[in-house]
């Protein structure tokens, strides 16, 4: 029992450090902006849970945390691109695909298309922009921290 509590304390420390890293990175990005950081949004649900639901089909069998980070990174880019006006979103997606290796472009396009369809089908009500994320290894599982805009969802 004591050993389990120690593991939980270690995981809690990792989560707190992760939150600190995210807040520092956000602060650096917003150096010249008048911004307000709210640690927990009271409406719309936790963005980390929403993002995990969104990427679940793409990371369900993933056992490598770095591969998961890369998939989540792509998912965040697709998510945020889906929030842009249609023409700008199309341009952003074309640039994204062009940045892939030639061998990966076909598969990359398919994954992006699947993610976009998933966003529109199941998450169209959520229009929060994702600024940053951190996926941390807690030992027995992983924990996702997300920094996002406040909810603009309609009630």
N, C-alpha and C. Protein backbone atom coordinates (compact mmCIF):
# COMPACT_ATOMS: atom_id res chain seq x y z
N UNK A 1 0.82 -1.19 0.00
CA UNK A 1 0.00 0.00 0.00
C UNK A 1 0.87 1.26 0.00
N UNK A 2 1.91 1.28 0.83
CA UNK A 2 2.80 2.44 0.88
C UNK A 2 3.52 2.61 -0.45
N UNK A 3 3.89 1.50 -1.06
CA UNK A 3 4.58 1.56 -2.35
C UNK A 3 3.67 2.18 -3.41
N UNK A 4 2.40 1.83 -3.38
CA UNK A 4 1.45 2.38 -4.34
C UNK A 4 1.30 3.89 -4.14
N UNK A 5 1.24 4.33 -2.88
CA UNK A 5 1.14 5.76 -2.59
C UNK A 5 2.37 6.50 -3.11
N UNK A 6 3.55 5.89 -2.95
CA UNK A 6 4.77 6.52 -3.44
C UNK A 6 4.73 6.66 -4.96
N UNK A 7 4.22 5.64 -5.65
CA UNK A 7 4.09 5.73 -7.10
C UNK A 7 3.14 6.86 -7.47
N UNK A 8 2.03 6.95 -6.74
CA UNK A 8 1.06 8.02 -7.01
C UNK A 8 1.68 9.38 -6.77
N UNK A 9 2.50 9.52 -5.71
CA UNK A 9 3.17 10.79 -5.45
C UNK A 9 4.12 11.13 -6.58
N UNK A 10 4.82 10.12 -7.08
CA UNK A 10 5.73 10.33 -8.20
C UNK A 10 4.98 10.76 -9.44
N UNK A 11 3.86 10.12 -9.69
CA UNK A 11 3.04 10.48 -10.86
C UNK A 11 2.49 11.89 -10.70
N UNK A 12 2.05 12.23 -9.49
CA UNK A 12 1.53 13.57 -9.24
C UNK A 12 2.60 14.62 -9.47
N UNK A 13 3.83 14.34 -9.03
CA UNK A 13 4.94 15.27 -9.26
C UNK A 13 5.20 15.46 -10.75
N UNK A 14 5.17 14.35 -11.50
CA UNK A 14 5.39 14.43 -12.95
C UNK A 14 4.30 15.28 -13.61
N UNK A 15 3.07 15.09 -13.18
CA UNK A 15 1.96 15.85 -13.75
C UNK A 15 2.13 17.33 -13.44
N UNK A 16 2.49 17.66 -12.21
CA UNK A 16 2.69 19.07 -11.82
C UNK A 16 3.84 19.69 -12.61
N UNK A 17 4.94 18.94 -12.79
CA UNK A 17 6.07 19.45 -13.58
C UNK A 17 5.63 19.70 -15.02
N UNK A 18 4.84 18.78 -15.55
CA UNK A 18 4.33 18.92 -16.92
C UNK A 18 3.47 20.17 -17.03
N UNK A 19 2.59 20.39 -16.06
CA UNK A 19 1.75 21.59 -16.08
C UNK A 19 2.62 22.85 -16.04
N UNK A 20 3.67 22.82 -15.22
CA UNK A 20 4.58 23.95 -15.13
C UNK A 20 5.28 24.23 -16.46
N UNK A 21 5.74 23.15 -17.13
CA UNK A 21 6.39 23.31 -18.44
C UNK A 21 5.44 23.95 -19.44
N UNK A 22 4.20 23.46 -19.46
CA UNK A 22 3.22 24.00 -20.40
C UNK A 22 2.94 25.48 -20.13
N UNK A 23 2.80 25.83 -18.86
CA UNK A 23 2.54 27.23 -18.52
C UNK A 23 3.72 28.12 -18.89
N UNK A 24 4.96 27.62 -18.68
CA UNK A 24 6.14 28.41 -19.07
C UNK A 24 6.19 28.60 -20.58
N UNK A 25 5.95 27.52 -21.32
CA UNK A 25 5.97 27.64 -22.78
C UNK A 25 4.89 28.60 -23.27
N UNK A 26 3.71 28.52 -22.67
CA UNK A 26 2.63 29.42 -23.05
C UNK A 26 3.00 30.86 -22.71
N UNK A 27 3.58 31.07 -21.54
CA UNK A 27 3.99 32.42 -21.13
C UNK A 27 5.01 32.99 -22.11
N UNK A 28 5.96 32.16 -22.54
CA UNK A 28 6.96 32.62 -23.51
C UNK A 28 6.30 33.01 -24.83
N UNK A 29 5.32 32.24 -25.26
CA UNK A 29 4.62 32.54 -26.51
C UNK A 29 3.80 33.81 -26.40
N UNK A 30 3.32 34.11 -25.20
CA UNK A 30 2.42 35.25 -25.00
C UNK A 30 3.15 36.45 -24.40
N UNK A 31 4.45 36.49 -24.50
CA UNK A 31 5.24 37.53 -23.85
C UNK A 31 4.71 38.93 -24.11
N UNK A 32 4.36 39.23 -25.35
CA UNK A 32 3.90 40.57 -25.68
C UNK A 32 2.38 40.70 -25.69
N UNK A 33 1.70 39.62 -25.43
CA UNK A 33 0.23 39.65 -25.50
C UNK A 33 -0.35 39.85 -24.11
N UNK A 34 -1.48 40.50 -24.06
CA UNK A 34 -2.21 40.59 -22.80
C UNK A 34 -3.08 39.35 -22.72
N UNK A 35 -2.60 38.36 -22.03
CA UNK A 35 -3.31 37.09 -21.98
C UNK A 35 -3.69 36.72 -20.57
N UNK A 36 -4.66 35.90 -20.47
CA UNK A 36 -5.12 35.39 -19.19
C UNK A 36 -5.05 33.88 -19.27
N UNK A 37 -4.40 33.28 -18.31
CA UNK A 37 -4.31 31.82 -18.27
C UNK A 37 -5.23 31.33 -17.17
N UNK A 38 -6.15 30.47 -17.55
CA UNK A 38 -7.08 29.86 -16.61
C UNK A 38 -6.70 28.40 -16.51
N UNK A 39 -6.42 27.94 -15.29
CA UNK A 39 -5.93 26.57 -15.15
C UNK A 39 -6.98 25.54 -15.52
N UNK A 40 -8.20 25.72 -15.10
CA UNK A 40 -9.27 24.78 -15.44
C UNK A 40 -10.48 25.55 -15.92
N UNK A 41 -10.99 25.16 -17.05
CA UNK A 41 -12.18 25.78 -17.61
C UNK A 41 -13.39 25.09 -16.99
N UNK A 42 -14.35 25.88 -16.56
CA UNK A 42 -15.52 25.29 -15.89
C UNK A 42 -16.53 24.71 -16.87
N UNK A 43 -16.46 25.10 -18.13
CA UNK A 43 -17.45 24.60 -19.08
C UNK A 43 -16.79 23.89 -20.25
N UNK A 44 -17.51 23.02 -20.88
CA UNK A 44 -17.03 22.37 -22.08
C UNK A 44 -16.18 21.15 -21.86
N UNK A 45 -15.88 20.78 -20.66
CA UNK A 45 -15.08 19.59 -20.39
C UNK A 45 -13.58 19.86 -20.45
N UNK A 46 -12.82 18.93 -19.95
CA UNK A 46 -11.36 19.05 -19.97
C UNK A 46 -10.87 18.77 -21.39
N UNK A 47 -10.08 19.68 -21.91
CA UNK A 47 -9.60 19.53 -23.27
C UNK A 47 -8.70 18.31 -23.41
N UNK A 48 -7.99 17.94 -22.35
CA UNK A 48 -7.14 16.75 -22.42
C UNK A 48 -7.99 15.50 -22.67
N UNK A 49 -9.14 15.42 -22.02
CA UNK A 49 -10.04 14.27 -22.22
C UNK A 49 -10.65 14.29 -23.62
N UNK A 50 -11.01 15.48 -24.08
CA UNK A 50 -11.58 15.60 -25.43
C UNK A 50 -10.54 15.19 -26.47
N UNK A 51 -9.31 15.67 -26.30
CA UNK A 51 -8.25 15.33 -27.25
C UNK A 51 -7.95 13.83 -27.23
N UNK A 52 -7.92 13.23 -26.04
CA UNK A 52 -7.70 11.78 -25.96
C UNK A 52 -8.81 11.00 -26.66
N UNK A 53 -10.05 11.44 -26.49
CA UNK A 53 -11.16 10.79 -27.20
C UNK A 53 -10.98 10.94 -28.71
N UNK A 54 -10.54 12.11 -29.13
CA UNK A 54 -10.35 12.38 -30.55
C UNK A 54 -9.27 11.48 -31.16
N UNK A 55 -8.15 11.31 -30.47
CA UNK A 55 -7.03 10.53 -31.04
C UNK A 55 -7.11 9.05 -30.72
N UNK A 56 -8.05 8.64 -29.91
CA UNK A 56 -8.11 7.24 -29.46
C UNK A 56 -7.98 6.21 -30.57
N UNK A 57 -8.71 6.32 -31.69
CA UNK A 57 -8.57 5.28 -32.73
C UNK A 57 -7.16 5.23 -33.34
N UNK A 58 -6.42 6.31 -33.22
CA UNK A 58 -5.10 6.38 -33.84
C UNK A 58 -3.98 5.94 -32.89
N UNK A 59 -4.26 5.94 -31.59
CA UNK A 59 -3.23 5.56 -30.61
C UNK A 59 -3.62 4.36 -29.77
N UNK A 60 -4.76 3.75 -30.06
CA UNK A 60 -5.29 2.67 -29.23
C UNK A 60 -4.28 1.54 -29.00
N UNK A 61 -3.53 1.17 -30.01
CA UNK A 61 -2.57 0.07 -29.89
C UNK A 61 -1.13 0.54 -29.74
N UNK A 62 -0.95 1.82 -29.57
CA UNK A 62 0.40 2.40 -29.50
C UNK A 62 1.04 2.11 -28.15
N UNK A 63 2.25 1.59 -28.19
CA UNK A 63 2.98 1.29 -26.95
C UNK A 63 4.21 2.16 -26.77
N UNK A 64 4.55 2.96 -27.78
CA UNK A 64 5.73 3.82 -27.74
C UNK A 64 5.28 5.26 -27.51
N UNK A 65 5.70 5.86 -26.41
CA UNK A 65 5.24 7.20 -26.05
C UNK A 65 5.64 8.24 -27.10
N UNK A 66 6.79 8.08 -27.73
CA UNK A 66 7.22 9.04 -28.76
C UNK A 66 6.33 8.97 -29.99
N UNK A 67 5.95 7.77 -30.38
CA UNK A 67 5.03 7.63 -31.51
C UNK A 67 3.69 8.26 -31.16
N UNK A 68 3.22 8.03 -29.93
CA UNK A 68 1.96 8.65 -29.48
C UNK A 68 2.06 10.17 -29.50
N UNK A 69 3.19 10.70 -29.03
CA UNK A 69 3.38 12.16 -29.07
C UNK A 69 3.27 12.69 -30.50
N UNK A 70 3.90 11.98 -31.43
CA UNK A 70 3.86 12.43 -32.82
C UNK A 70 2.44 12.36 -33.40
N UNK A 71 1.71 11.32 -33.05
CA UNK A 71 0.32 11.21 -33.51
C UNK A 71 -0.52 12.33 -32.91
N UNK A 72 -0.33 12.59 -31.62
CA UNK A 72 -1.08 13.67 -30.96
C UNK A 72 -0.69 15.01 -31.57
N UNK A 73 0.59 15.20 -31.85
CA UNK A 73 1.06 16.45 -32.48
C UNK A 73 0.34 16.66 -33.83
N UNK A 74 0.26 15.61 -34.64
CA UNK A 74 -0.46 15.70 -35.91
C UNK A 74 -1.94 15.98 -35.67
N UNK A 75 -2.52 15.30 -34.70
CA UNK A 75 -3.94 15.49 -34.38
C UNK A 75 -4.23 16.93 -33.96
N UNK A 76 -3.32 17.53 -33.20
CA UNK A 76 -3.49 18.93 -32.77
C UNK A 76 -3.45 19.85 -33.99
N UNK A 77 -2.52 19.59 -34.91
CA UNK A 77 -2.44 20.42 -36.12
C UNK A 77 -3.71 20.29 -36.95
N UNK A 78 -4.22 19.06 -37.08
CA UNK A 78 -5.46 18.84 -37.84
C UNK A 78 -6.63 19.51 -37.12
N UNK A 79 -6.70 19.33 -35.81
CA UNK A 79 -7.77 19.94 -35.00
C UNK A 79 -7.80 21.45 -35.22
N UNK A 80 -6.64 22.10 -35.02
CA UNK A 80 -6.59 23.56 -35.15
C UNK A 80 -6.86 24.01 -36.58
N UNK A 81 -6.41 23.24 -37.55
CA UNK A 81 -6.67 23.57 -38.95
C UNK A 81 -8.16 23.52 -39.25
N UNK A 82 -8.86 22.60 -38.62
CA UNK A 82 -10.31 22.48 -38.85
C UNK A 82 -11.07 23.71 -38.35
N UNK A 83 -10.43 24.52 -37.51
CA UNK A 83 -11.07 25.72 -36.97
C UNK A 83 -10.91 26.93 -37.90
N UNK A 84 -10.02 26.81 -38.89
CA UNK A 84 -9.76 27.91 -39.81
C UNK A 84 -10.88 28.03 -40.85
N UNK A 85 -11.00 29.21 -41.47
CA UNK A 85 -11.91 29.31 -42.62
C UNK A 85 -11.50 28.29 -43.68
N UNK A 86 -12.43 27.82 -44.46
CA UNK A 86 -12.21 26.69 -45.37
C UNK A 86 -10.99 26.86 -46.27
N UNK A 87 -10.84 28.01 -46.91
CA UNK A 87 -9.73 28.21 -47.85
C UNK A 87 -8.38 28.19 -47.13
N UNK A 88 -8.30 28.85 -45.98
CA UNK A 88 -7.05 28.85 -45.21
C UNK A 88 -6.75 27.47 -44.66
N UNK A 89 -7.78 26.75 -44.26
CA UNK A 89 -7.61 25.39 -43.77
C UNK A 89 -7.06 24.48 -44.85
N UNK A 90 -7.59 24.64 -46.06
CA UNK A 90 -7.12 23.84 -47.19
C UNK A 90 -5.65 24.11 -47.47
N UNK A 91 -5.26 25.38 -47.46
CA UNK A 91 -3.85 25.76 -47.68
C UNK A 91 -2.96 25.16 -46.59
N UNK A 92 -3.41 25.25 -45.35
CA UNK A 92 -2.61 24.72 -44.23
C UNK A 92 -2.44 23.21 -44.36
N UNK A 93 -3.50 22.51 -44.75
CA UNK A 93 -3.41 21.06 -44.92
C UNK A 93 -2.46 20.69 -46.06
N UNK A 94 -2.51 21.45 -47.15
CA UNK A 94 -1.59 21.20 -48.26
C UNK A 94 -0.14 21.37 -47.83
N UNK A 95 0.13 22.41 -47.04
CA UNK A 95 1.49 22.63 -46.53
C UNK A 95 1.91 21.49 -45.60
N UNK A 96 0.96 21.04 -44.79
CA UNK A 96 1.24 19.95 -43.86
C UNK A 96 1.64 18.69 -44.63
N UNK A 97 0.87 18.35 -45.64
CA UNK A 97 1.15 17.15 -46.43
C UNK A 97 2.47 17.31 -47.19
N UNK A 98 2.73 18.50 -47.71
CA UNK A 98 3.97 18.74 -48.45
C UNK A 98 5.20 18.58 -47.56
N UNK A 99 5.03 18.76 -46.25
CA UNK A 99 6.16 18.63 -45.33
C UNK A 99 6.52 17.17 -45.04
N UNK A 100 5.63 16.24 -45.40
CA UNK A 100 5.90 14.81 -45.20
C UNK A 100 6.91 14.32 -46.23
N UNK A 101 7.64 13.26 -45.87
CA UNK A 101 8.48 12.58 -46.85
C UNK A 101 7.59 12.07 -47.98
N UNK A 102 8.17 11.96 -49.17
CA UNK A 102 7.39 11.50 -50.34
C UNK A 102 6.70 10.17 -50.07
N UNK A 103 7.43 9.25 -49.40
CA UNK A 103 6.87 7.93 -49.12
C UNK A 103 5.70 7.99 -48.14
N UNK A 104 5.71 9.01 -47.29
CA UNK A 104 4.69 9.10 -46.24
C UNK A 104 3.49 9.95 -46.65
N UNK A 105 3.55 10.60 -47.80
CA UNK A 105 2.48 11.53 -48.17
C UNK A 105 1.12 10.86 -48.36
N UNK A 106 1.09 9.71 -48.99
CA UNK A 106 -0.20 9.03 -49.22
C UNK A 106 -0.81 8.61 -47.89
N UNK A 107 -0.01 7.94 -47.07
CA UNK A 107 -0.52 7.51 -45.76
C UNK A 107 -0.86 8.72 -44.89
N UNK A 108 -0.02 9.75 -44.94
CA UNK A 108 -0.28 10.97 -44.18
C UNK A 108 -1.59 11.62 -44.58
N UNK A 109 -1.85 11.68 -45.88
CA UNK A 109 -3.12 12.23 -46.38
C UNK A 109 -4.31 11.43 -45.85
N UNK A 110 -4.17 10.12 -45.86
CA UNK A 110 -5.27 9.26 -45.38
C UNK A 110 -5.54 9.51 -43.90
N UNK A 111 -4.48 9.61 -43.10
CA UNK A 111 -4.64 9.83 -41.66
C UNK A 111 -5.26 11.21 -41.41
N UNK A 112 -4.77 12.22 -42.11
CA UNK A 112 -5.32 13.57 -41.96
C UNK A 112 -6.80 13.58 -42.33
N UNK A 113 -7.14 12.93 -43.43
CA UNK A 113 -8.54 12.86 -43.87
C UNK A 113 -9.40 12.17 -42.80
N UNK A 114 -8.91 11.07 -42.24
CA UNK A 114 -9.65 10.37 -41.19
C UNK A 114 -9.82 11.25 -39.96
N UNK A 115 -8.76 11.97 -39.60
CA UNK A 115 -8.84 12.86 -38.43
C UNK A 115 -9.83 14.00 -38.68
N UNK A 116 -9.77 14.59 -39.86
CA UNK A 116 -10.71 15.67 -40.19
C UNK A 116 -12.16 15.18 -40.15
N UNK A 117 -12.39 14.02 -40.73
CA UNK A 117 -13.75 13.45 -40.69
C UNK A 117 -14.19 13.20 -39.26
N UNK A 118 -13.30 12.67 -38.45
CA UNK A 118 -13.62 12.40 -37.04
C UNK A 118 -13.93 13.70 -36.31
N UNK A 119 -13.13 14.73 -36.56
CA UNK A 119 -13.36 16.04 -35.91
C UNK A 119 -14.74 16.57 -36.29
N UNK A 120 -15.06 16.55 -37.57
CA UNK A 120 -16.34 17.09 -38.04
C UNK A 120 -17.53 16.25 -37.58
N UNK A 121 -17.34 14.95 -37.54
CA UNK A 121 -18.46 14.06 -37.19
C UNK A 121 -18.76 14.04 -35.69
N UNK A 122 -17.71 13.96 -34.87
CA UNK A 122 -17.93 13.75 -33.44
C UNK A 122 -17.56 14.95 -32.56
N UNK A 123 -16.80 15.90 -33.08
CA UNK A 123 -16.30 16.99 -32.25
C UNK A 123 -16.56 18.36 -32.88
N UNK A 124 -17.51 18.44 -33.79
CA UNK A 124 -17.77 19.71 -34.48
C UNK A 124 -18.26 20.80 -33.52
N UNK A 125 -18.83 20.40 -32.40
CA UNK A 125 -19.33 21.35 -31.41
C UNK A 125 -18.19 22.00 -30.61
N UNK A 126 -17.01 21.43 -30.65
CA UNK A 126 -15.90 21.94 -29.84
C UNK A 126 -14.96 22.75 -30.73
N UNK A 127 -14.94 24.05 -30.51
CA UNK A 127 -14.14 24.95 -31.33
C UNK A 127 -13.00 25.60 -30.54
N UNK A 128 -12.48 24.88 -29.59
CA UNK A 128 -11.38 25.39 -28.79
C UNK A 128 -10.06 25.12 -29.50
N UNK A 129 -9.23 26.13 -29.54
CA UNK A 129 -7.91 26.00 -30.16
C UNK A 129 -6.95 25.38 -29.15
N UNK A 130 -6.14 24.45 -29.61
CA UNK A 130 -5.16 23.79 -28.73
C UNK A 130 -3.82 24.49 -28.94
N UNK A 131 -3.28 25.07 -27.86
CA UNK A 131 -2.02 25.80 -27.94
C UNK A 131 -0.81 24.89 -27.74
N UNK A 132 -0.92 23.94 -26.83
CA UNK A 132 0.22 23.10 -26.50
C UNK A 132 -0.28 21.87 -25.75
N UNK A 133 0.57 20.86 -25.68
CA UNK A 133 0.24 19.67 -24.91
C UNK A 133 1.53 19.05 -24.41
N UNK A 134 1.40 18.18 -23.42
CA UNK A 134 2.53 17.43 -22.91
C UNK A 134 2.02 16.05 -22.53
N UNK A 135 2.65 15.03 -23.07
CA UNK A 135 2.31 13.64 -22.75
C UNK A 135 3.42 13.12 -21.87
N UNK A 136 3.06 12.70 -20.66
CA UNK A 136 4.09 12.25 -19.71
C UNK A 136 3.87 10.79 -19.33
N UNK A 137 4.97 10.13 -19.05
CA UNK A 137 4.97 8.73 -18.65
C UNK A 137 4.88 8.67 -17.13
N UNK A 138 3.79 8.10 -16.62
CA UNK A 138 3.62 7.96 -15.17
C UNK A 138 4.10 6.61 -14.66
N UNK A 139 4.70 5.82 -15.52
CA UNK A 139 5.15 4.49 -15.11
C UNK A 139 4.18 3.43 -15.58
N UNK A 140 3.00 3.39 -14.97
CA UNK A 140 2.01 2.38 -15.35
C UNK A 140 1.13 2.83 -16.51
N UNK A 141 1.05 4.14 -16.74
CA UNK A 141 0.29 4.67 -17.87
C UNK A 141 0.80 6.06 -18.22
N UNK A 142 0.10 6.73 -19.13
CA UNK A 142 0.50 8.05 -19.57
C UNK A 142 -0.55 9.07 -19.15
N UNK A 143 -0.12 10.32 -19.06
CA UNK A 143 -1.03 11.41 -18.69
C UNK A 143 -0.85 12.53 -19.70
N UNK A 144 -1.97 13.09 -20.17
CA UNK A 144 -1.94 14.17 -21.15
C UNK A 144 -2.39 15.47 -20.49
N UNK A 145 -1.54 16.49 -20.59
CA UNK A 145 -1.90 17.85 -20.19
C UNK A 145 -2.07 18.66 -21.46
N UNK A 146 -3.08 19.54 -21.47
CA UNK A 146 -3.37 20.34 -22.66
C UNK A 146 -3.61 21.79 -22.24
N UNK A 147 -3.07 22.70 -23.05
CA UNK A 147 -3.38 24.12 -22.90
C UNK A 147 -4.21 24.50 -24.11
N UNK A 148 -5.40 25.04 -23.85
CA UNK A 148 -6.30 25.39 -24.95
C UNK A 148 -6.98 26.72 -24.67
N UNK A 149 -7.66 27.22 -25.69
CA UNK A 149 -8.46 28.43 -25.51
C UNK A 149 -9.66 28.09 -24.63
N UNK A 150 -10.28 29.12 -24.13
CA UNK A 150 -11.51 28.90 -23.37
C UNK A 150 -12.59 28.42 -24.31
N UNK A 151 -13.59 27.81 -23.75
CA UNK A 151 -14.67 27.25 -24.56
C UNK A 151 -15.44 28.34 -25.28
N UNK A 152 -15.73 28.07 -26.54
CA UNK A 152 -16.61 28.94 -27.32
C UNK A 152 -17.80 28.12 -27.80
N UNK A 153 -17.96 26.95 -27.18
CA UNK A 153 -19.06 26.06 -27.56
C UNK A 153 -20.38 26.74 -27.25
N UNK A 154 -21.36 26.48 -28.08
CA UNK A 154 -22.68 27.01 -27.77
C UNK A 154 -23.38 26.09 -26.78
N UNK A 155 -24.16 26.67 -25.86
CA UNK A 155 -24.81 25.85 -24.82
C UNK A 155 -25.83 24.91 -25.38
